[in-house]
Amino acid sequence: MNRISHGFLGKFKTYEIPVPQVKELTPEEREKALREKIKPWVYDPEKLVRIGGYVPTTTPPPPVETFYLETAEGDALQTAQGDNILWYIEPAPIDPDAQAFFDAITTAGGSLTSTEETAVNDLVVDLKGYGLWNTFDAFYPYVGGTSTSTKFNLLDPQDTNGAFRITWSGLVSFSSLGVKANNNGGGNTYLNPQTLGYTAMTMGTYINQGFAEAIGGDYDMGGYDGADDFMITLGFVNNITRYVNYNGTSYKSSNSGVYDRGLLLGQNDGTTTQLYQDNTQLISTAQTFGSCNMTIGIGCSYRSTGTADPSNRGYSVSFIGGTALSPTQITNLNTSINTFNTTLSR
């Protein structure tokens, strides 16, 4: 019994109050008591908007992060759903254009790793975020490690010439690093600048292999109709001189830059031809845009007889579009491609 006294001016009164002893609870008993006091929460999965921007109608992918209902001591408490999960953050959804690309590869008998899918999806999101997606007519990420998986145009992954799907020939090799021309053959993109009515153009590729091999008459990208030779090369005959051209055979060259991995981008805005290596401008000179009636080759110059002047070098991505890019766009493109390459350890 506990005694309590109270009073005023010397007059006190004492009460005896029974106070029961509280038993020390075990962890299991604490959990049971808390469950009885906590009102179970429920939710309608069709109405719940989860972090990530969409409500899945099928089995969701594995969560990125999960939050659990627990006591202060770390003991699990069960929710109305029969587990102790409060909520979870889902992975970012796959962009529809990336998914269409994945589906095209699968339909053709190819396959991609989860890392390759993540890299491609992030690349699509980055290109769109930077406003570059509609700048190009063809963009090739060269994933999957086969002639089938690397042929598809990310922007239009139909298995047709009109979608600029590549046809590979010769001794081109394929790996997790991309594609490599091996000085024999190359790729036909079926993209003809004259047919598309180009009055300006950008073509480029990220070169990541083949620097130790002997150099021949190497075109990294190009097409020659016998009059206009549209082309870019990191090294033609030697590893010292870079070339770009968009009219006749009036090749523009520079000994600046390095014979090493990186983005090589050549463009003409109608009156000026430029060549960039990564974010550095190597060439900028007056040149009227020509009218090349020939499809553009990858790892070679494409001509009426097929591939010519194939390169020994290898490529992580390649792209072609009918406009010239600003310096800021080139920087953003380079950032997007470098992020893609880093994800794939290229």
Foldseek 3Di string as FASTA:
>chain_A
DDKDWDDPPPDIDIDDDDDDDDDDDDPVVVLVVVLVVDDADDDDLVPDDAAQGDRDPDDADDFPFWDFDADPVRHGHAHPVGGGTPGTHGDHDQDPLLVVLQVLLVVQPFHADPLLSVLSSLLVVLCVVLVNLVQFLFKFQQGRFDLRSRQAGSNQRDPDLVSQGKDWDFPWGGDLQGIFFQQTTFIFRNDFCQVVPFLKKKKKFWWADQLPDQAEQWFQKWEAAPFFTATWDCDGNDNQKTWGGFGGPPIDIFRDDGSHTFMWMWIDAQFWIWIDGQLRTGDIDTDGGYHGGTTMTGQAYQYPVGGDRGTRIGTRMITMGRHDDDSVVSNSSRVSVVSSCVSSVD
